[in-house]
Amino acid sequence: MLLGGRSRCTVMRDEVGQPGDAAGARRAAGELEAGVLAVLQAAGRPLPPGEVRDRVGGALAYTTVVTILSRLHAKGVLQRRKAGRAYVYAPVADEPGLAARRMARVLDGEADREAVLARFVSGLSGTDEELLRRMLGDPPGPEGS
């Protein structure tokens, strides 16, 4: 449907603002999820969607926050439990734990785990390689590092 020679989508976008405008800038994919997760990590306790929305800031709709929380729960990043008529959400792990879960999911999706792990380890810095060796109880490499 055209309104004054412009599509309805164009009019709605103009009212919200163009990307880069302070009031209506669109966020990058995953940025909202990261913001919501950061709020829940910082809270240290389960939060309901309304409180997450307040802490994230901006002009997010309540339904947008609920959608983000539901998606993070479906991905296994958040746990939720009933609290009255709504749910409260909390991360399943701290930030290092979540990173480890992401790494494990990537590894699980590959057919040749050994090749993936070998390439990963060969790309580590010397410091990270030494850290991994200590964690695994291996002796230092041939260069003594």
Protein backbone atom coordinates (compact mmCIF):
# COMPACT_ATOMS: atom_id res chain seq x y z
CA MET A 1 0.00 0.00 0.00
CA LEU A 2 1.40 3.39 -0.95
CA LEU A 3 1.01 6.51 1.14
CA GLY A 4 1.89 9.69 -0.71
CA GLY A 5 4.03 7.77 -3.19
CA ARG A 6 5.98 5.94 -0.48
CA SER A 7 5.47 2.44 0.78
CA ARG A 8 4.10 1.96 4.27
CA CYS A 9 7.39 0.28 5.31
CA THR A 10 9.34 3.37 4.28
CA VAL A 11 7.06 5.63 6.27
CA MET A 12 7.37 3.43 9.37
CA ARG A 13 11.14 3.28 9.04
CA ASP A 14 11.34 7.07 8.70
CA GLU A 15 9.27 7.53 11.85
CA VAL A 16 11.52 5.21 13.83
CA GLY A 17 14.72 6.69 12.46
CA GLN A 18 17.43 5.71 10.06
CA PRO A 19 20.29 3.47 11.07
CA GLY A 20 22.86 5.58 12.83
CA ASP A 21 20.30 7.93 14.38
CA ALA A 22 20.55 7.93 18.16
CA ALA A 23 16.81 7.38 18.64
CA GLY A 24 16.22 4.59 16.15
CA ALA A 25 19.49 2.88 15.32
CA ARG A 26 19.12 -0.81 14.61
CA ARG A 27 21.35 -3.07 16.60
CA ALA A 28 23.65 -5.67 15.08
CA ALA A 29 22.48 -9.26 15.08
CA GLY A 30 23.09 -10.79 18.49
CA GLU A 31 23.66 -7.45 20.19
CA LEU A 32 20.32 -7.56 22.01
CA GLU A 33 20.94 -11.14 23.13
CA ALA A 34 24.39 -10.16 24.40
CA GLY A 35 22.94 -7.17 26.26
CA VAL A 36 20.22 -9.25 27.89
CA LEU A 37 22.74 -11.93 28.87
CA ALA A 38 25.07 -9.30 30.33
CA VAL A 39 22.21 -7.91 32.44
CA LEU A 40 21.39 -11.35 33.78
CA GLN A 41 25.06 -12.13 34.51
CA ALA A 42 25.45 -8.86 36.42
CA ALA A 43 22.22 -9.33 38.38
CA GLY A 44 23.44 -12.44 40.17
CA ARG A 45 19.87 -13.64 40.60
CA PRO A 46 17.00 -14.68 38.31
CA LEU A 47 15.08 -11.75 36.83
CA PRO A 48 11.63 -11.42 35.30
CA PRO A 49 11.33 -9.97 31.78
CA GLY A 50 10.12 -6.58 33.02
CA GLU A 51 13.17 -6.10 35.20
CA VAL A 52 15.47 -7.26 32.38
CA ARG A 53 13.82 -4.69 30.13
CA ASP A 54 14.37 -1.91 32.68
CA ARG A 55 18.02 -2.83 33.14
CA VAL A 56 18.79 -3.19 29.41
CA GLY A 57 17.56 0.35 28.85
CA GLY A 58 16.43 1.87 25.62
CA ALA A 59 12.92 1.66 24.35
CA LEU A 60 12.60 -2.10 23.98
CA ALA A 61 9.10 -3.51 23.95
CA TYR A 62 8.31 -6.00 26.69
CA THR A 63 7.44 -8.58 24.02
CA THR A 64 10.85 -8.09 22.42
CA VAL A 65 12.56 -8.88 25.73
CA VAL A 66 10.35 -11.94 26.24
CA THR A 67 11.25 -13.14 22.73
CA ILE A 68 14.99 -12.69 23.39
CA LEU A 69 14.72 -14.50 26.72
CA SER A 70 12.75 -17.34 25.13
CA ARG A 71 15.34 -17.73 22.35
CA LEU A 72 18.23 -17.76 24.82
CA HIS A 73 16.36 -20.38 26.86
CA ALA A 74 15.78 -22.50 23.74
CA LYS A 75 19.52 -22.29 22.97
CA GLY A 76 20.29 -23.63 26.43
CA VAL A 77 21.96 -20.41 27.58
CA LEU A 78 19.31 -19.50 30.16
CA GLN A 79 17.31 -21.47 32.67
CA ARG A 80 13.85 -20.36 33.67
CA ARG A 81 11.36 -21.17 36.38
CA LYS A 82 7.83 -20.09 37.12
CA ALA A 83 7.45 -17.24 39.59
CA GLY A 84 3.80 -16.36 39.93
CA ARG A 85 2.27 -15.90 36.49
CA ALA A 86 5.56 -15.25 34.73
CA TYR A 87 8.99 -16.78 34.41
CA VAL A 88 12.26 -15.58 35.88
CA TYR A 89 15.45 -16.17 33.93
CA ALA A 90 19.07 -16.80 34.91
CA PRO A 91 22.19 -17.84 32.97
CA VAL A 92 23.04 -21.55 33.13
CA ALA A 93 26.73 -20.68 33.62
CA ASP A 94 29.10 -17.77 34.13
CA GLU A 95 30.75 -16.13 31.11
CA PRO A 96 33.65 -18.61 30.84
CA GLY A 97 31.18 -21.47 31.21
CA LEU A 98 29.00 -20.09 28.43
CA ALA A 99 32.03 -19.69 26.15
CA ALA A 100 33.02 -23.29 26.88
CA ARG A 101 29.48 -24.44 26.03
CA ARG A 102 29.65 -22.57 22.69
CA MET A 103 32.99 -24.19 21.91
CA ALA A 104 31.63 -27.64 22.76
CA ARG A 105 28.57 -27.09 20.51
CA VAL A 106 30.82 -26.14 17.61
CA LEU A 107 32.97 -29.21 18.19
CA ASP A 108 29.87 -31.43 18.45
CA GLY A 109 28.75 -30.20 15.04
CA GLU A 110 31.90 -31.38 13.29
CA ALA A 111 32.43 -34.87 11.89
CA ASP A 112 36.22 -34.99 12.41
CA ARG A 113 36.70 -33.87 16.01
CA GLU A 114 40.39 -34.79 16.03
CA ALA A 115 41.14 -32.59 13.00
CA VAL A 116 39.19 -29.68 14.47
CA LEU A 117 40.98 -29.95 17.82
CA ALA A 118 44.38 -30.31 16.11
CA ARG A 119 43.78 -27.17 14.04
CA PHE A 120 42.53 -25.29 17.09
CA VAL A 121 45.57 -26.20 19.17
CA SER A 122 48.00 -25.42 16.34
CA GLY A 123 46.51 -21.92 16.14
CA LEU A 124 46.98 -21.13 19.83
CA SER A 125 49.50 -18.55 20.97
CA GLY A 126 52.50 -19.84 22.89
CA THR A 127 51.00 -18.55 26.13
CA ASP A 128 47.64 -20.25 25.51
CA GLU A 129 49.37 -23.47 24.45
CA GLU A 130 51.40 -23.51 27.68
CA LEU A 131 48.26 -22.82 29.71
CA LEU A 132 46.47 -25.71 28.02
CA ARG A 133 49.45 -28.01 28.60
CA ARG A 134 49.47 -27.13 32.33
CA MET A 135 45.75 -27.72 32.58
CA LEU A 136 46.09 -31.11 30.91
CA GLY A 137 49.13 -32.02 33.02
CA ASP A 138 51.41 -32.34 29.96
CA PRO A 139 55.12 -31.55 30.13
CA PRO A 140 56.33 -28.42 28.30
CA GLY A 141 56.88 -28.60 24.56
CA PRO A 142 60.28 -29.29 22.93
CA GLU A 143 61.26 -25.59 23.07
CA GLY A 144 60.71 -25.54 26.82
CA SER A 145 57.79 -23.16 26.55
